[in-house]
Amino acid sequence: MTLHNSILLATVALFGATHGAVASEEGDHRVLAALDTEYQAAVKRNDARTMGRILDERFVLVLGSGKTYSRADLLESANTKHVIYEQQDEDPGTQTVRVFGDTAVVTARLWLKATSEGASFERRLWFSDTYVRTPGGWRYVFGQASLALDTAEAPKLSHSP
């Protein structure tokens, strides 16, 4: 093999590896955006089966107050319909997906409107959901939610990736 052929093969291999990584990262972005939206929709419907498929066994949610919830806590809440949601939706245009190899973080502003234990509430908050790639696909391992935003100001807040 000549030096010229070696350089050409190395260039083709490098381009292919780089192009594949970009295509894969773009695919991961799409998959994760859809998966996180699917998870939010499952919470809204109290669909414990779908939530359980997405949540990792080691999952932890930390609220802005510092209170934590496990996967089992969230699935029990969904099964008992502890909260009945009217809204559990990301505000359009606020979702950002960041992929770091086999770890990803999805951030968005969430609009909640629901009833829990007879009391109605409505609020917006920011959340960050961390996913890891496993042999079975992406799994939601850690969530963090902000304190409630000022309701009057929340829809006016700007989003910066």
Protein backbone atom coordinates (compact mmCIF):
# COMPACT_ATOMS: atom_id res chain seq x y z
CA MET A 1 0.00 0.00 0.00
CA THR A 2 1.38 3.39 -0.96
CA LEU A 3 1.62 6.34 1.39
CA HIS A 4 -1.00 8.13 -0.71
CA ASN A 5 -3.45 5.20 -0.36
CA SER A 6 -2.80 5.03 3.41
CA ILE A 7 -3.55 8.73 3.81
CA LEU A 8 -6.68 8.41 1.67
CA LEU A 9 -7.97 5.44 3.72
CA ALA A 10 -7.21 7.26 6.98
CA THR A 11 -9.08 10.34 5.73
CA VAL A 12 -12.10 8.26 4.66
CA ALA A 13 -12.12 6.42 8.00
CA LEU A 14 -11.87 9.69 9.94
CA PHE A 15 -14.67 11.29 7.92
CA GLY A 16 -16.86 8.22 8.38
CA ALA A 17 -16.26 8.12 12.12
CA THR A 18 -16.93 11.85 12.48
CA HIS A 19 -20.01 11.75 10.27
CA GLY A 20 -21.36 8.72 12.16
CA ALA A 21 -20.84 10.44 15.52
CA VAL A 22 -22.68 13.54 14.33
CA ALA A 23 -25.54 11.51 12.88
CA SER A 24 -25.75 9.45 16.07
CA GLU A 25 -25.76 12.55 18.29
CA GLU A 26 -28.52 14.11 16.16
CA GLY A 27 -30.47 10.85 16.44
CA ASP A 28 -29.90 10.80 20.21
CA HIS A 29 -31.22 14.36 20.45
CA ARG A 30 -34.43 13.39 18.64
CA VAL A 31 -34.88 10.18 20.66
CA LEU A 32 -34.30 11.93 23.98
CA ALA A 33 -36.57 14.88 23.18
CA ALA A 34 -39.35 12.45 22.27
CA LEU A 35 -38.65 10.19 25.26
CA ASP A 36 -38.80 13.05 27.76
CA THR A 37 -42.01 14.37 26.18
CA GLU A 38 -43.42 10.83 26.34
CA TYR A 39 -42.50 10.66 30.02
CA GLN A 40 -44.23 13.98 30.80
CA ALA A 41 -47.35 12.76 28.96
CA ALA A 42 -47.29 9.49 30.94
CA VAL A 43 -47.14 11.43 34.22
CA LYS A 44 -50.10 13.54 33.05
CA ARG A 45 -52.13 10.35 32.40
CA ASN A 46 -50.86 8.62 35.59
CA ASP A 47 -49.56 5.91 33.25
CA ALA A 48 -47.32 3.97 35.66
CA ARG A 49 -46.52 1.34 33.02
CA THR A 50 -44.95 3.84 30.62
CA MET A 51 -43.26 5.69 33.48
CA GLY A 52 -41.80 2.41 34.74
CA ARG A 53 -40.43 1.58 31.29
CA ILE A 54 -38.58 4.92 31.12
CA LEU A 55 -37.47 5.27 34.76
CA ASP A 56 -34.28 3.52 35.82
CA GLU A 57 -34.44 1.34 38.95
CA ARG A 58 -32.02 3.76 40.67
CA PHE A 59 -34.04 6.86 39.76
CA VAL A 60 -34.18 9.84 42.14
CA LEU A 61 -36.13 13.10 41.79
CA VAL A 62 -35.00 16.12 43.82
CA LEU A 63 -37.41 19.03 44.17
CA GLY A 64 -36.35 22.63 44.71
CA SER A 65 -37.31 22.23 48.38
CA GLY A 66 -34.82 19.37 48.74
CA LYS A 67 -37.51 16.67 49.05
CA THR A 68 -36.61 13.49 47.17
CA TYR A 69 -38.71 10.81 45.49
CA SER A 70 -37.70 7.38 44.24
CA ARG A 71 -38.96 5.47 41.21
CA ALA A 72 -41.23 3.47 43.55
CA ASP A 73 -42.66 6.70 45.00
CA LEU A 74 -43.56 8.06 41.56
CA LEU A 75 -45.06 4.79 40.35
CA GLU A 76 -47.15 4.45 43.52
CA SER A 77 -48.40 8.03 43.09
CA ALA A 78 -49.39 7.28 39.48
CA ASN A 79 -51.08 3.99 40.41
CA THR A 80 -53.13 5.62 43.19
CA LYS A 81 -53.78 8.74 41.09
CA HIS A 82 -52.56 10.85 44.01
CA VAL A 83 -52.46 13.81 41.60
CA ILE A 84 -54.99 14.35 38.82
CA TYR A 85 -53.40 16.46 36.09
CA GLU A 86 -55.13 18.88 33.78
CA GLN A 87 -51.75 20.17 32.55
CA GLN A 88 -48.35 18.47 32.78
CA ASP A 89 -46.76 19.88 29.67
CA GLU A 90 -43.51 21.46 28.61
CA ASP A 91 -43.93 25.06 27.51
CA PRO A 92 -43.34 25.07 23.73
CA GLY A 93 -39.84 26.08 22.67
CA THR A 94 -38.23 25.63 26.11
CA GLN A 95 -36.84 22.11 25.74
CA THR A 96 -33.09 21.70 25.35
CA VAL A 97 -31.33 18.36 24.94
CA ARG A 98 -27.62 18.07 25.72
CA VAL A 99 -25.83 14.79 24.97
CA PHE A 100 -22.50 13.89 26.56
CA GLY A 101 -21.67 10.46 25.18
CA ASP A 102 -23.80 7.96 27.10
CA THR A 103 -25.31 10.63 29.39
CA ALA A 104 -27.83 13.29 28.42
CA VAL A 105 -29.69 16.12 30.12
CA VAL A 106 -33.08 17.37 28.99
CA THR A 107 -34.13 20.76 30.37
CA ALA A 108 -37.46 22.51 29.88
CA ARG A 109 -40.03 24.69 31.60
CA LEU A 110 -43.03 22.69 32.77
CA TRP A 111 -46.61 23.87 33.22
CA LEU A 112 -48.48 21.99 35.94
CA LYS A 113 -52.18 22.35 36.68
CA ALA A 114 -53.65 19.65 38.87
CA THR A 115 -55.57 18.57 41.94
CA SER A 116 -53.97 16.72 44.84
CA GLU A 117 -55.83 15.70 47.99
CA GLY A 118 -58.73 17.97 47.01
CA ALA A 119 -56.55 21.06 46.56
CA SER A 120 -56.00 22.57 43.13
CA PHE A 121 -52.70 24.11 42.13
CA GLU A 122 -51.07 25.60 39.09
CA ARG A 123 -47.41 26.44 38.61
CA ARG A 124 -44.55 26.57 36.23
CA LEU A 125 -41.07 25.34 37.01
CA TRP A 126 -37.82 24.43 35.32
CA PHE A 127 -36.61 20.85 35.35
CA SER A 128 -33.54 18.95 34.26
CA ASP A 129 -33.89 15.24 33.54
CA THR A 130 -30.72 13.14 33.28
CA TYR A 131 -30.69 10.03 31.10
CA VAL A 132 -28.06 7.33 30.66
CA ARG A 133 -27.66 4.98 27.71
CA THR A 134 -28.02 1.35 28.80
CA PRO A 135 -27.99 -1.88 26.77
CA GLY A 136 -31.81 -1.59 26.77
CA GLY A 137 -31.84 2.03 25.58
CA TRP A 138 -31.99 5.41 27.29
CA ARG A 139 -33.19 5.38 30.92
CA TYR A 140 -34.21 8.34 33.08
CA VAL A 141 -31.97 8.21 36.18
CA PHE A 142 -32.14 11.60 37.86
CA GLY A 143 -34.52 14.54 37.85
CA GLN A 144 -34.30 17.93 39.45
CA ALA A 145 -37.14 20.45 39.55
CA SER A 146 -36.92 24.09 40.54
CA LEU A 147 -39.14 25.82 43.03
CA ALA A 148 -42.33 27.19 41.48
CA LEU A 149 -41.82 30.26 39.32
CA ASP A 150 -43.87 33.38 39.85
CA THR A 151 -47.02 32.49 37.87
CA ALA A 152 -47.45 35.99 36.46
CA GLU A 153 -43.86 36.06 35.20
CA ALA A 154 -43.37 32.44 34.10
CA PRO A 155 -44.81 32.70 30.57
CA LYS A 156 -42.68 35.81 29.91
CA LEU A 157 -39.37 34.18 30.88
CA SER A 158 -36.90 33.75 28.05
CA HIS A 159 -35.19 30.47 27.32
CA SER A 160 -31.50 30.25 26.58
CA PRO A 161 -29.91 26.92 25.64
